[in-house]
Amino acid sequence: MNFIGNVLWLIFGGFFSALGYLFGGLLLCFTVIGIPWGIQCFKIAGLVLMPFGRRVVSSPGGVGCLNLFCNIIWLFTGGLWTAAVHLGFAILLAITIIGIPFAKQHIKLMELSLMPFGKEVI
């Protein structure tokens, strides 16, 4: 069932969303300061590419002031906007019965795109 969900996800926009995150990550990695945020974009792109059958968990030892500082910068430079977009898509997809599994994936993506530092995708 995860395979079918991932294929449908890719066909209906997941591939282009992953390309967007990859492009943003590449742009951030061109600067020395942006590399940590670029790596987080790559992590989100991996989840956007195939979200079904994967989970977002807090990484062990992932708490600390550096993760908090980076998450705050992430929040104010696009994290809130990205999370709001995922929430909007989740609401739109949850209206239909067939869209509920895809809405759940957008909620998962919203959690990661809101504060990606200190999170792991398994």
PDB file of N, CA and C in Angstrom:
ATOM      1  N   MET A   1       0.813  -1.186   0.000  1.00  0.00           N
ATOM      2  CA  MET A   1       0.000   0.000   0.000  1.00  0.00           C
ATOM      3  C   MET A   1       0.867   1.265   0.000  1.00  0.00           C
ATOM      4  N   ASN A   2       2.033   1.198   0.693  1.00  0.00           N
ATOM      5  CA  ASN A   2       2.933   2.345   0.706  1.00  0.00           C
ATOM      6  C   ASN A   2       3.460   2.653  -0.686  1.00  0.00           C
ATOM      7  N   PHE A   3       3.728   1.599  -1.477  1.00  0.00           N
ATOM      8  CA  PHE A   3       4.240   1.788  -2.834  1.00  0.00           C
ATOM      9  C   PHE A   3       3.234   2.542  -3.695  1.00  0.00           C
ATOM     10  N   ILE A   4       1.973   2.137  -3.621  1.00  0.00           N
ATOM     11  CA  ILE A   4       0.929   2.801  -4.409  1.00  0.00           C
ATOM     12  C   ILE A   4       0.774   4.258  -3.970  1.00  0.00           C
ATOM     13  N   GLY A   5       0.781   4.491  -2.659  1.00  0.00           N
ATOM     14  CA  GLY A   5       0.675   5.854  -2.148  1.00  0.00           C
ATOM     15  C   GLY A   5       1.836   6.726  -2.608  1.00  0.00           C
ATOM     16  N   ASN A   6       3.052   6.176  -2.577  1.00  0.00           N
ATOM     17  CA  ASN A   6       4.217   6.941  -3.019  1.00  0.00           C
ATOM     18  C   ASN A   6       4.173   7.236  -4.510  1.00  0.00           C
ATOM     19  N   VAL A   7       3.712   6.291  -5.309  1.00  0.00           N
ATOM     20  CA  VAL A   7       3.614   6.514  -6.752  1.00  0.00           C
ATOM     21  C   VAL A   7       2.583   7.608  -7.042  1.00  0.00           C
ATOM     22  N   LEU A   8       1.420   7.531  -6.399  1.00  0.00           N
ATOM     23  CA  LEU A   8       0.406   8.564  -6.592  1.00  0.00           C
ATOM     24  C   LEU A   8       0.901   9.922  -6.105  1.00  0.00           C
ATOM     25  N   TRP A   9       1.612   9.912  -5.002  1.00  0.00           N
ATOM     26  CA  TRP A   9       2.182  11.138  -4.455  1.00  0.00           C
ATOM     27  C   TRP A   9       3.143  11.783  -5.459  1.00  0.00           C
ATOM     28  N   LEU A  10       4.016  10.956  -6.060  1.00  0.00           N
ATOM     29  CA  LEU A  10       4.977  11.481  -7.036  1.00  0.00           C
ATOM     30  C   LEU A  10       4.282  12.049  -8.266  1.00  0.00           C
ATOM     31  N   ILE A  11       3.257  11.357  -8.727  1.00  0.00           N
ATOM     32  CA  ILE A  11       2.555  11.792  -9.936  1.00  0.00           C
ATOM     33  C   ILE A  11       1.837  13.116  -9.713  1.00  0.00           C
ATOM     34  N   PHE A  12       1.227  13.269  -8.556  1.00  0.00           N
ATOM     35  CA  PHE A  12       0.397  14.451  -8.303  1.00  0.00           C
ATOM     36  C   PHE A  12       1.115  15.551  -7.531  1.00  0.00           C
ATOM     37  N   GLY A  13       2.396  15.723  -7.763  1.00  0.00           N
ATOM     38  CA  GLY A  13       3.091  16.890  -7.247  1.00  0.00           C
ATOM     39  C   GLY A  13       4.260  16.640  -6.326  1.00  0.00           C
ATOM     40  N   GLY A  14       4.433  15.445  -5.832  1.00  0.00           N
ATOM     41  CA  GLY A  14       5.528  15.175  -4.912  1.00  0.00           C
ATOM     42  C   GLY A  14       6.895  15.328  -5.554  1.00  0.00           C
ATOM     43  N   PHE A  15       6.987  14.950  -6.820  1.00  0.00           N
ATOM     44  CA  PHE A  15       8.272  15.042  -7.518  1.00  0.00           C
ATOM     45  C   PHE A  15       8.702  16.504  -7.651  1.00  0.00           C
ATOM     46  N   PHE A  16       7.781  17.367  -8.037  1.00  0.00           N
ATOM     47  CA  PHE A  16       8.124  18.778  -8.216  1.00  0.00           C
ATOM     48  C   PHE A  16       8.385  19.464  -6.872  1.00  0.00           C
ATOM     49  N   SER A  17       7.692  19.041  -5.834  1.00  0.00           N
ATOM     50  CA  SER A  17       7.960  19.592  -4.496  1.00  0.00           C
ATOM     51  C   SER A  17       9.360  19.198  -4.034  1.00  0.00           C
ATOM     52  N   ALA A  18       9.734  17.949  -4.279  1.00  0.00           N
ATOM     53  CA  ALA A  18      11.077  17.497  -3.903  1.00  0.00           C
ATOM     54  C   ALA A  18      12.137  18.259  -4.688  1.00  0.00           C
ATOM     55  N   LEU A  19      11.875  18.521  -5.971  1.00  0.00           N
ATOM     56  CA  LEU A  19      12.817  19.311  -6.763  1.00  0.00           C
ATOM     57  C   LEU A  19      12.966  20.723  -6.195  1.00  0.00           C
ATOM     58  N   GLY A  20      11.874  21.294  -5.713  1.00  0.00           N
ATOM     59  CA  GLY A  20      11.932  22.615  -5.099  1.00  0.00           C
ATOM     60  C   GLY A  20      12.802  22.626  -3.856  1.00  0.00           C
ATOM     61  N   TYR A  21      12.628  21.623  -3.001  1.00  0.00           N
ATOM     62  CA  TYR A  21      13.459  21.536  -1.803  1.00  0.00           C
ATOM     63  C   TYR A  21      14.917  21.279  -2.168  1.00  0.00           C
ATOM     64  N   LEU A  22      15.173  20.446  -3.171  1.00  0.00           N
ATOM     65  CA  LEU A  22      16.548  20.193  -3.605  1.00  0.00           C
ATOM     66  C   LEU A  22      17.195  21.470  -4.153  1.00  0.00           C
ATOM     67  N   PHE A  23      16.459  22.216  -4.947  1.00  0.00           N
ATOM     68  CA  PHE A  23      16.979  23.465  -5.495  1.00  0.00           C
ATOM     69  C   PHE A  23      17.285  24.462  -4.379  1.00  0.00           C
ATOM     70  N   GLY A  24      16.371  24.578  -3.422  1.00  0.00           N
ATOM     71  CA  GLY A  24      16.607  25.467  -2.280  1.00  0.00           C
ATOM     72  C   GLY A  24      17.814  25.029  -1.461  1.00  0.00           C
ATOM     73  N   GLY A  25      17.952  23.710  -1.278  1.00  0.00           N
ATOM     74  CA  GLY A  25      19.107  23.195  -0.543  1.00  0.00           C
ATOM     75  C   GLY A  25      20.410  23.474  -1.260  1.00  0.00           C
ATOM     76  N   LEU A  26      20.408  23.339  -2.580  1.00  0.00           N
ATOM     77  CA  LEU A  26      21.617  23.645  -3.356  1.00  0.00           C
ATOM     78  C   LEU A  26      21.979  25.118  -3.249  1.00  0.00           C
ATOM     79  N   LEU A  27      20.987  25.993  -3.336  1.00  0.00           N
ATOM     80  CA  LEU A  27      21.254  27.425  -3.200  1.00  0.00           C
ATOM     81  C   LEU A  27      21.829  27.751  -1.823  1.00  0.00           C
ATOM     82  N   LEU A  28      21.277  27.130  -0.797  1.00  0.00           N
ATOM     83  CA  LEU A  28      21.785  27.385   0.551  1.00  0.00           C
ATOM     84  C   LEU A  28      23.196  26.841   0.736  1.00  0.00           C
ATOM     85  N   CYS A  29      23.494  25.708   0.095  1.00  0.00           N
ATOM     86  CA  CYS A  29      24.822  25.105   0.247  1.00  0.00           C
ATOM     87  C   CYS A  29      25.902  25.859  -0.522  1.00  0.00           C
ATOM     88  N   PHE A  30      25.538  26.757  -1.422  1.00  0.00           N
ATOM     89  CA  PHE A  30      26.534  27.566  -2.116  1.00  0.00           C
ATOM     90  C   PHE A  30      27.214  28.543  -1.167  1.00  0.00           C
ATOM     91  N   THR A  31      26.545  28.869  -0.080  1.00  0.00           N
ATOM     92  CA  THR A  31      27.157  29.736   0.921  1.00  0.00           C
ATOM     93  C   THR A  31      27.659  28.865   2.059  1.00  0.00           C
ATOM     94  N   VAL A  32      28.685  29.290   2.721  1.00  0.00           N
ATOM     95  CA  VAL A  32      29.227  28.518   3.840  1.00  0.00           C
ATOM     96  C   VAL A  32      28.257  28.552   5.013  1.00  0.00           C
ATOM     97  N   ILE A  33      27.658  29.696   5.265  1.00  0.00           N
ATOM     98  CA  ILE A  33      26.756  29.842   6.403  1.00  0.00           C
ATOM     99  C   ILE A  33      25.477  29.038   6.204  1.00  0.00           C
ATOM    100  N   GLY A  34      25.011  28.878   4.968  1.00  0.00           N
ATOM    101  CA  GLY A  34      23.743  28.213   4.703  1.00  0.00           C
ATOM    102  C   GLY A  34      23.808  26.699   4.646  1.00  0.00           C
ATOM    103  N   ILE A  35      24.989  26.107   4.791  1.00  0.00           N
ATOM    104  CA  ILE A  35      25.107  24.651   4.644  1.00  0.00           C
ATOM    105  C   ILE A  35      24.225  23.876   5.626  1.00  0.00           C
ATOM    106  N   PRO A  36      24.162  24.217   6.916  1.00  0.00           N
ATOM    107  CA  PRO A  36      23.279  23.442   7.807  1.00  0.00           C
ATOM    108  C   PRO A  36      21.812  23.478   7.380  1.00  0.00           C
ATOM    109  N   TRP A  37      21.359  24.629   6.890  1.00  0.00           N
ATOM    110  CA  TRP A  37      19.974  24.751   6.447  1.00  0.00           C
ATOM    111  C   TRP A  37      19.770  24.032   5.112  1.00  0.00           C
ATOM    112  N   GLY A  38      20.783  24.022   4.273  1.00  0.00           N
ATOM    113  CA  GLY A  38      20.709  23.275   3.017  1.00  0.00           C
ATOM    114  C   GLY A  38      20.587  21.775   3.265  1.00  0.00           C
ATOM    115  N   ILE A  39      21.305  21.285   4.254  1.00  0.00           N
ATOM    116  CA  ILE A  39      21.217  19.860   4.600  1.00  0.00           C
ATOM    117  C   ILE A  39      19.813  19.525   5.091  1.00  0.00           C
ATOM    118  N   GLN A  40      19.203  20.431   5.835  1.00  0.00           N
ATOM    119  CA  GLN A  40      17.831  20.192   6.286  1.00  0.00           C
ATOM    120  C   GLN A  40      16.864  20.184   5.106  1.00  0.00           C
ATOM    121  N   CYS A  41      17.120  21.036   4.110  1.00  0.00           N
ATOM    122  CA  CYS A  41      16.291  21.009   2.891  1.00  0.00           C
ATOM    123  C   CYS A  41      16.409  19.665   2.186  1.00  0.00           C
ATOM    124  N   PHE A  42      17.620  19.097   2.152  1.00  0.00           N
ATOM    125  CA  PHE A  42      17.802  17.782   1.533  1.00  0.00           C
ATOM    126  C   PHE A  42      17.047  16.707   2.311  1.00  0.00           C
ATOM    127  N   LYS A  43      17.042  16.830   3.653  1.00  0.00           N
ATOM    128  CA  LYS A  43      16.303  15.867   4.478  1.00  0.00           C
ATOM    129  C   LYS A  43      14.804  15.947   4.185  1.00  0.00           C
ATOM    130  N   ILE A  44      14.289  17.160   4.074  1.00  0.00           N
ATOM    131  CA  ILE A  44      12.869  17.343   3.773  1.00  0.00           C
ATOM    132  C   ILE A  44      12.559  16.856   2.366  1.00  0.00           C
ATOM    133  N   ALA A  45      13.474  17.099   1.423  1.00  0.00           N
ATOM    134  CA  ALA A  45      13.272  16.634   0.041  1.00  0.00           C
ATOM    135  C   ALA A  45      13.174  15.121  -0.016  1.00  0.00           C
ATOM    136  N   GLY A  46      13.982  14.427   0.776  1.00  0.00           N
ATOM    137  CA  GLY A  46      13.898  12.966   0.821  1.00  0.00           C
ATOM    138  C   GLY A  46      12.557  12.488   1.325  1.00  0.00           C
ATOM    139  N   LEU A  47      12.016  13.177   2.320  1.00  0.00           N
ATOM    140  CA  LEU A  47      10.704  12.798   2.837  1.00  0.00           C
ATOM    141  C   LEU A  47       9.606  13.178   1.860  1.00  0.00           C
ATOM    142  N   VAL A  48       9.746  14.323   1.194  1.00  0.00           N
ATOM    143  CA  VAL A  48       8.736  14.739   0.225  1.00  0.00           C
ATOM    144  C   VAL A  48       8.702  13.780  -0.961  1.00  0.00           C
ATOM    145  N   LEU A  49       9.840  13.219  -1.304  1.00  0.00           N
ATOM    146  CA  LEU A  49       9.900  12.312  -2.447  1.00  0.00           C
ATOM    147  C   LEU A  49       9.111  11.029  -2.203  1.00  0.00           C
ATOM    148  N   MET A  50       9.234  10.452  -1.025  1.00  0.00           N
ATOM    149  CA  MET A  50       8.533   9.210  -0.695  1.00  0.00           C
ATOM    150  C   MET A  50       8.081   9.253   0.766  1.00  0.00           C
ATOM    151  N   PRO A  51       6.935   9.866   1.061  1.00  0.00           N
ATOM    152  CA  PRO A  51       6.536  10.028   2.461  1.00  0.00           C
ATOM    153  C   PRO A  51       5.834   8.817   3.081  1.00  0.00           C
ATOM    154  N   PHE A  52       5.214   7.990   2.262  1.00  0.00           N
ATOM    155  CA  PHE A  52       4.462   6.864   2.810  1.00  0.00           C
ATOM    156  C   PHE A  52       5.424   5.804   3.348  1.00  0.00           C
ATOM    157  N   GLY A  53       5.151   5.340   4.561  1.00  0.00           N
ATOM    158  CA  GLY A  53       5.972   4.305   5.176  1.00  0.00           C
ATOM    159  C   GLY A  53       7.172   4.852   5.930  1.00  0.00           C
ATOM    160  N   ARG A  54       7.274   6.158   6.080  1.00  0.00           N
ATOM    161  CA  ARG A  54       8.381   6.765   6.800  1.00  0.00           C
ATOM    162  C   ARG A  54       7.824   7.606   7.949  1.00  0.00           C
ATOM    163  N   ARG A  55       8.659   7.789   8.977  1.00  0.00           N
ATOM    164  CA  ARG A  55       8.239   8.554  10.151  1.00  0.00           C
ATOM    165  C   ARG A  55       9.258   9.635  10.470  1.00  0.00           C
ATOM    166  N   VAL A  56       8.798  10.655  11.164  1.00  0.00           N
ATOM    167  CA  VAL A  56       9.668  11.715  11.666  1.00  0.00           C
ATOM    168  C   VAL A  56       9.739  11.556  13.175  1.00  0.00           C
ATOM    169  N   VAL A  57      10.950  11.385  13.691  1.00  0.00           N
ATOM    170  CA  VAL A  57      11.145  11.222  15.131  1.00  0.00           C
ATOM    171  C   VAL A  57      12.212  12.197  15.597  1.00  0.00           C
ATOM    172  N   SER A  58      12.188  12.503  16.882  1.00  0.00           N
ATOM    173  CA  SER A  58      13.247  13.327  17.457  1.00  0.00           C
ATOM    174  C   SER A  58      14.502  12.486  17.564  1.00  0.00           C
ATOM    175  N   SER A  59      15.619  13.053  17.140  1.00  0.00           N
ATOM    176  CA  SER A  59      16.866  12.297  17.171  1.00  0.00           C
ATOM    177  C   SER A  59      17.405  12.273  18.597  1.00  0.00           C
ATOM    178  N   PRO A  60      17.996  11.145  18.980  1.00  0.00           N
ATOM    179  CA  PRO A  60      18.563  11.070  20.327  1.00  0.00           C
ATOM    180  C   PRO A  60      19.754  12.019  20.435  1.00  0.00           C
ATOM    181  N   GLY A  61      19.786  12.754  21.492  1.00  0.00           N
ATOM    182  CA  GLY A  61      20.851  13.741  21.672  1.00  0.00           C
ATOM    183  C   GLY A  61      20.653  14.957  20.791  1.00  0.00           C
ATOM    184  N   GLY A  62      19.471  15.100  20.222  1.00  0.00           N
ATOM    185  CA  GLY A  62      19.203  16.207  19.317  1.00  0.00           C
ATOM    186  C   GLY A  62      18.681  17.445  20.012  1.00  0.00           C
ATOM    187  N   VAL A  63      18.751  17.490  21.313  1.00  0.00           N
ATOM    188  CA  VAL A  63      18.299  18.679  22.016  1.00  0.00           C
ATOM    189  C   VAL A  63      19.512  19.539  22.340  1.00  0.00           C
ATOM    190  N   GLY A  64      19.317  20.784  22.352  1.00  0.00           N
ATOM    191  CA  GLY A  64      20.426  21.672  22.675  1.00  0.00           C
ATOM    192  C   GLY A  64      20.160  23.065  22.162  1.00  0.00           C
ATOM    193  N   CYS A  65      20.993  23.981  22.608  1.00  0.00           N
ATOM    194  CA  CYS A  65      20.771  25.373  22.240  1.00  0.00           C
ATOM    195  C   CYS A  65      21.106  25.630  20.776  1.00  0.00           C
ATOM    196  N   LEU A  66      22.029  24.871  20.178  1.00  0.00           N
ATOM    197  CA  LEU A  66      22.360  25.090  18.779  1.00  0.00           C
ATOM    198  C   LEU A  66      21.202  24.690  17.872  1.00  0.00           C
ATOM    199  N   ASN A  67      20.570  23.537  18.174  1.00  0.00           N
ATOM    200  CA  ASN A  67      19.394  23.127  17.401  1.00  0.00           C
ATOM    201  C   ASN A  67      18.262  24.132  17.565  1.00  0.00           C
ATOM    202  N   LEU A  68      18.064  24.615  18.766  1.00  0.00           N
ATOM    203  CA  LEU A  68      17.019  25.611  19.018  1.00  0.00           C
ATOM    204  C   LEU A  68      17.304  26.900  18.260  1.00  0.00           C
ATOM    205  N   PHE A  69      18.531  27.354  18.289  1.00  0.00           N
ATOM    206  CA  PHE A  69      18.916  28.575  17.574  1.00  0.00           C
ATOM    207  C   PHE A  69      18.696  28.418  16.066  1.00  0.00           C
ATOM    208  N   CYS A  70      19.128  27.276  15.519  1.00  0.00           N
ATOM    209  CA  CYS A  70      18.954  27.034  14.074  1.00  0.00           C
ATOM    210  C   CYS A  70      17.475  26.897  13.706  1.00  0.00           C
ATOM    211  N   ASN A  71      16.676  26.266  14.569  1.00  0.00           N
ATOM    212  CA  ASN A  71      15.242  26.159  14.306  1.00  0.00           C
ATOM    213  C   ASN A  71      14.554  27.519  14.337  1.00  0.00           C
ATOM    214  N   ILE A  72      14.984  28.401  15.224  1.00  0.00           N
ATOM    215  CA  ILE A  72      14.395  29.738  15.277  1.00  0.00           C
ATOM    216  C   ILE A  72      14.716  30.514  14.007  1.00  0.00           C
ATOM    217  N   ILE A  73      15.956  30.426  13.554  1.00  0.00           N
ATOM    218  CA  ILE A  73      16.319  31.080  12.289  1.00  0.00           C
ATOM    219  C   ILE A  73      15.506  30.484  11.145  1.00  0.00           C
ATOM    220  N   TRP A  74      15.379  29.147  11.132  1.00  0.00           N
ATOM    221  CA  TRP A  74      14.598  28.457  10.094  1.00  0.00           C
ATOM    222  C   TRP A  74      13.147  28.939  10.110  1.00  0.00           C
ATOM    223  N   LEU A  75      12.575  29.063  11.308  1.00  0.00           N
ATOM    224  CA  LEU A  75      11.177  29.492  11.435  1.00  0.00           C
ATOM    225  C   LEU A  75      10.936  30.854  10.789  1.00  0.00           C
ATOM    226  N   PHE A  76      11.822  31.790  11.081  1.00  0.00           N
ATOM    227  CA  PHE A  76      11.593  33.153  10.612  1.00  0.00           C
ATOM    228  C   PHE A  76      12.043  33.397   9.177  1.00  0.00           C
ATOM    229  N   THR A  77      12.763  32.456   8.583  1.00  0.00           N
ATOM    230  CA  THR A  77      13.216  32.656   7.201  1.00  0.00           C
ATOM    231  C   THR A  77      12.507  31.739   6.214  1.00  0.00           C
ATOM    232  N   GLY A  78      11.390  31.191   6.596  1.00  0.00           N
ATOM    233  CA  GLY A  78      10.620  30.393   5.649  1.00  0.00           C
ATOM    234  C   GLY A  78       9.940  29.177   6.233  1.00  0.00           C
ATOM    235  N   GLY A  79      10.298  28.788   7.430  1.00  0.00           N
ATOM    236  CA  GLY A  79       9.707  27.601   8.032  1.00  0.00           C
ATOM    237  C   GLY A  79       8.223  27.751   8.318  1.00  0.00           C
ATOM    238  N   LEU A  80       7.832  28.923   8.809  1.00  0.00           N
ATOM    239  CA  LEU A  80       6.410  29.157   9.077  1.00  0.00           C
ATOM    240  C   LEU A  80       5.601  29.128   7.784  1.00  0.00           C
ATOM    241  N   TRP A  81       6.138  29.748   6.743  1.00  0.00           N
ATOM    242  CA  TRP A  81       5.444  29.770   5.456  1.00  0.00           C
ATOM    243  C   TRP A  81       5.303  28.354   4.891  1.00  0.00           C
ATOM    244  N   THR A  82       6.371  27.583   4.931  1.00  0.00           N
ATOM    245  CA  THR A  82       6.336  26.218   4.405  1.00  0.00           C
ATOM    246  C   THR A  82       5.361  25.355   5.192  1.00  0.00           C
ATOM    247  N   ALA A  83       5.375  25.471   6.508  1.00  0.00           N
ATOM    248  CA  ALA A  83       4.443  24.706   7.334  1.00  0.00           C
ATOM    249  C   ALA A  83       3.004  25.117   7.060  1.00  0.00           C
ATOM    250  N   ALA A  84       2.773  26.410   6.849  1.00  0.00           N
ATOM    251  CA  ALA A  84       1.415  26.876   6.544  1.00  0.00           C
ATOM    252  C   ALA A  84       0.929  26.332   5.205  1.00  0.00           C
ATOM    253  N   VAL A  85       1.819  26.241   4.228  1.00  0.00           N
ATOM    254  CA  VAL A  85       1.440  25.669   2.928  1.00  0.00           C
ATOM    255  C   VAL A  85       1.070  24.197   3.081  1.00  0.00           C
ATOM    256  N   HIS A  86       1.872  23.444   3.846  1.00  0.00           N
ATOM    257  CA  HIS A  86       1.547  22.033   4.069  1.00  0.00           C
ATOM    258  C   HIS A  86       0.230  21.890   4.833  1.00  0.00           C
ATOM    259  N   LEU A  87      -0.026  22.766   5.789  1.00  0.00           N
ATOM    260  CA  LEU A  87      -1.289  22.727   6.520  1.00  0.00           C
ATOM    261  C   LEU A  87      -2.465  23.031   5.593  1.00  0.00           C
ATOM    262  N   GLY A  88      -2.300  23.999   4.718  1.00  0.00           N
ATOM    263  CA  GLY A  88      -3.358  24.321   3.759  1.00  0.00           C
ATOM    264  C   GLY A  88      -3.677  23.154   2.839  1.00  0.00           C
ATOM    265  N   PHE A  89      -2.631  22.497   2.321  1.00  0.00           N
ATOM    266  CA  PHE A  89      -2.866  21.325   1.482  1.00  0.00           C
ATOM    267  C   PHE A  89      -3.506  20.197   2.271  1.00  0.00           C
ATOM    268  N   ALA A  90      -3.112  20.025   3.537  1.00  0.00           N
ATOM    269  CA  ALA A  90      -3.709  18.978   4.365  1.00  0.00           C
ATOM    270  C   ALA A  90      -5.198  19.234   4.571  1.00  0.00           C
ATOM    271  N   ILE A  91      -5.559  20.467   4.805  1.00  0.00           N
ATOM    272  CA  ILE A  91      -6.980  20.794   4.995  1.00  0.00           C
ATOM    273  C   ILE A  91      -7.757  20.546   3.713  1.00  0.00           C
ATOM    274  N   LEU A  92      -7.200  20.984   2.587  1.00  0.00           N
ATOM    275  CA  LEU A  92      -7.885  20.765   1.305  1.00  0.00           C
ATOM    276  C   LEU A  92      -8.043  19.278   0.986  1.00  0.00           C
ATOM    277  N   LEU A  93      -7.013  18.493   1.266  1.00  0.00           N
ATOM    278  CA  LEU A  93      -7.090  17.065   0.963  1.00  0.00           C
ATOM    279  C   LEU A  93      -7.980  16.316   1.943  1.00  0.00           C
ATOM    280  N   ALA A  94      -8.063  16.792   3.182  1.00  0.00           N
ATOM    281  CA  ALA A  94      -8.887  16.113   4.181  1.00  0.00           C
ATOM    282  C   ALA A  94     -10.374  16.284   3.919  1.00  0.00           C
ATOM    283  N   ILE A  95     -10.735  17.245   3.071  1.00  0.00           N
ATOM    284  CA  ILE A  95     -12.149  17.450   2.762  1.00  0.00           C
ATOM    285  C   ILE A  95     -12.724  16.235   2.044  1.00  0.00           C
ATOM    286  N   THR A  96     -11.921  15.625   1.198  1.00  0.00           N
ATOM    287  CA  THR A  96     -12.386  14.436   0.471  1.00  0.00           C
ATOM    288  C   THR A  96     -11.962  13.189   1.222  1.00  0.00           C
ATOM    289  N   ILE A  97     -12.716  12.132   1.070  1.00  0.00           N
ATOM    290  CA  ILE A  97     -12.389  10.861   1.734  1.00  0.00           C
ATOM    291  C   ILE A  97     -11.100  10.284   1.168  1.00  0.00           C
ATOM    292  N   ILE A  98     -10.949  10.329  -0.139  1.00  0.00           N
ATOM    293  CA  ILE A  98      -9.784   9.713  -0.777  1.00  0.00           C
ATOM    294  C   ILE A  98      -8.498  10.483  -0.482  1.00  0.00           C
ATOM    295  N   GLY A  99      -8.601  11.744  -0.106  1.00  0.00           N
ATOM    296  CA  GLY A  99      -7.426  12.557   0.153  1.00  0.00           C
ATOM    297  C   GLY A  99      -6.894  12.481   1.565  1.00  0.00           C
ATOM    298  N   ILE A 100      -7.575  11.774   2.462  1.00  0.00           N
ATOM    299  CA  ILE A 100      -7.154  11.721   3.865  1.00  0.00           C
ATOM    300  C   ILE A 100      -5.755  11.135   4.041  1.00  0.00           C
ATOM    301  N   PRO A 101      -5.371  10.037   3.365  1.00  0.00           N
ATOM    302  CA  PRO A 101      -3.988   9.559   3.525  1.00  0.00           C
ATOM    303  C   PRO A 101      -2.946  10.584   3.076  1.00  0.00           C
ATOM    304  N   PHE A 102      -3.263  11.346   2.043  1.00  0.00           N
ATOM    305  CA  PHE A 102      -2.338  12.368   1.575  1.00  0.00           C
ATOM    306  C   PHE A 102      -2.310  13.557   2.537  1.00  0.00           C
ATOM    307  N   ALA A 103      -3.430  13.856   3.159  1.00  0.00           N
ATOM    308  CA  ALA A 103      -3.470  14.914   4.174  1.00  0.00           C
ATOM    309  C   ALA A 103      -2.592  14.548   5.364  1.00  0.00           C
ATOM    310  N   LYS A 104      -2.601  13.273   5.744  1.00  0.00           N
ATOM    311  CA  LYS A 104      -1.742  12.821   6.846  1.00  0.00           C
ATOM    312  C   LYS A 104      -0.270  13.008   6.507  1.00  0.00           C
ATOM    313  N   GLN A 105       0.078  12.798   5.255  1.00  0.00           N
ATOM    314  CA  GLN A 105       1.471  12.987   4.841  1.00  0.00           C
ATOM    315  C   GLN A 105       1.853  14.462   4.888  1.00  0.00           C
ATOM    316  N   HIS A 106       0.929  15.335   4.548  1.00  0.00           N
ATOM    317  CA  HIS A 106       1.214  16.765   4.625  1.00  0.00           C
ATOM    318  C   HIS A 106       1.368  17.213   6.076  1.00  0.00           C
ATOM    319  N   ILE A 107       0.627  16.612   6.988  1.00  0.00           N
ATOM    320  CA  ILE A 107       0.794  16.921   8.411  1.00  0.00           C
ATOM    321  C   ILE A 107       2.182  16.487   8.871  1.00  0.00           C
ATOM    322  N   LYS A 108       2.634  15.322   8.412  1.00  0.00           N
ATOM    323  CA  LYS A 108       3.975  14.841   8.734  1.00  0.00           C
ATOM    324  C   LYS A 108       5.029  15.802   8.177  1.00  0.00           C
ATOM    325  N   LEU A 109       4.825  16.251   6.956  1.00  0.00           N
ATOM    326  CA  LEU A 109       5.757  17.198   6.342  1.00  0.00           C
ATOM    327  C   LEU A 109       5.723  18.552   7.047  1.00  0.00           C
ATOM    328  N   MET A 110       4.551  18.931   7.530  1.00  0.00           N
ATOM    329  CA  MET A 110       4.431  20.182   8.257  1.00  0.00           C
ATOM    330  C   MET A 110       5.265  20.137   9.536  1.00  0.00           C
ATOM    331  N   GLU A 111       5.224  19.006  10.229  1.00  0.00           N
ATOM    332  CA  GLU A 111       6.004  18.857  11.459  1.00  0.00           C
ATOM    333  C   GLU A 111       7.497  19.004  11.183  1.00  0.00           C
ATOM    334  N   LEU A 112       7.956  18.386  10.097  1.00  0.00           N
ATOM    335  CA  LEU A 112       9.387  18.458   9.784  1.00  0.00           C
ATOM    336  C   LEU A 112       9.770  19.824   9.231  1.00  0.00           C
ATOM    337  N   SER A 113       8.917  20.418   8.411  1.00  0.00           N
ATOM    338  CA  SER A 113       9.279  21.702   7.817  1.00  0.00           C
ATOM    339  C   SER A 113       9.156  22.855   8.799  1.00  0.00           C
ATOM    340  N   LEU A 114       8.479  22.664   9.911  1.00  0.00           N
ATOM    341  CA  LEU A 114       8.366  23.710  10.914  1.00  0.00           C
ATOM    342  C   LEU A 114       9.660  23.833  11.717  1.00  0.00           C
ATOM    343  N   MET A 115      10.197  22.714  12.165  1.00  0.00           N
ATOM    344  CA  MET A 115      11.444  22.702  12.935  1.00  0.00           C
ATOM    345  C   MET A 115      12.246  21.450  12.593  1.00  0.00           C
ATOM    346  N   PRO A 116      13.086  21.508  11.560  1.00  0.00           N
ATOM    347  CA  PRO A 116      13.774  20.295  11.103  1.00  0.00           C
ATOM    348  C   PRO A 116      15.007  19.903  11.904  1.00  0.00           C
ATOM    349  N   PHE A 117      15.612  20.845  12.603  1.00  0.00           N
ATOM    350  CA  PHE A 117      16.822  20.513  13.356  1.00  0.00           C
ATOM    351  C   PHE A 117      16.435  19.682  14.579  1.00  0.00           C
ATOM    352  N   GLY A 118      17.157  18.596  14.807  1.00  0.00           N
ATOM    353  CA  GLY A 118      16.864  17.694  15.907  1.00  0.00           C
ATOM    354  C   GLY A 118      15.844  16.639  15.573  1.00  0.00           C
ATOM    355  N   LYS A 119      15.459  16.527  14.292  1.00  0.00           N
ATOM    356  CA  LYS A 119      14.502  15.511  13.848  1.00  0.00           C
ATOM    357  C   LYS A 119      15.202  14.556  12.894  1.00  0.00           C
ATOM    358  N   GLU A 120      14.716  13.347  12.845  1.00  0.00           N
ATOM    359  CA  GLU A 120      15.266  12.312  11.987  1.00  0.00           C
ATOM    360  C   GLU A 120      14.131  11.646  11.215  1.00  0.00           C
ATOM    361  N   VAL A 121      14.377  11.275   9.983  1.00  0.00           N
ATOM    362  CA  VAL A 121      13.389  10.578   9.170  1.00  0.00           C
ATOM    363  C   VAL A 121      13.799   9.116   9.099  1.00  0.00           C
ATOM    364  N   ILE A 122      12.891   8.235   9.549  1.00  0.00           N
ATOM    365  CA  ILE A 122      13.200   6.798   9.490  1.00  0.00           C
ATOM    366  C   ILE A 122      12.090   6.080   8.745  1.00  0.00           C
TER     367      ILE A 122
END
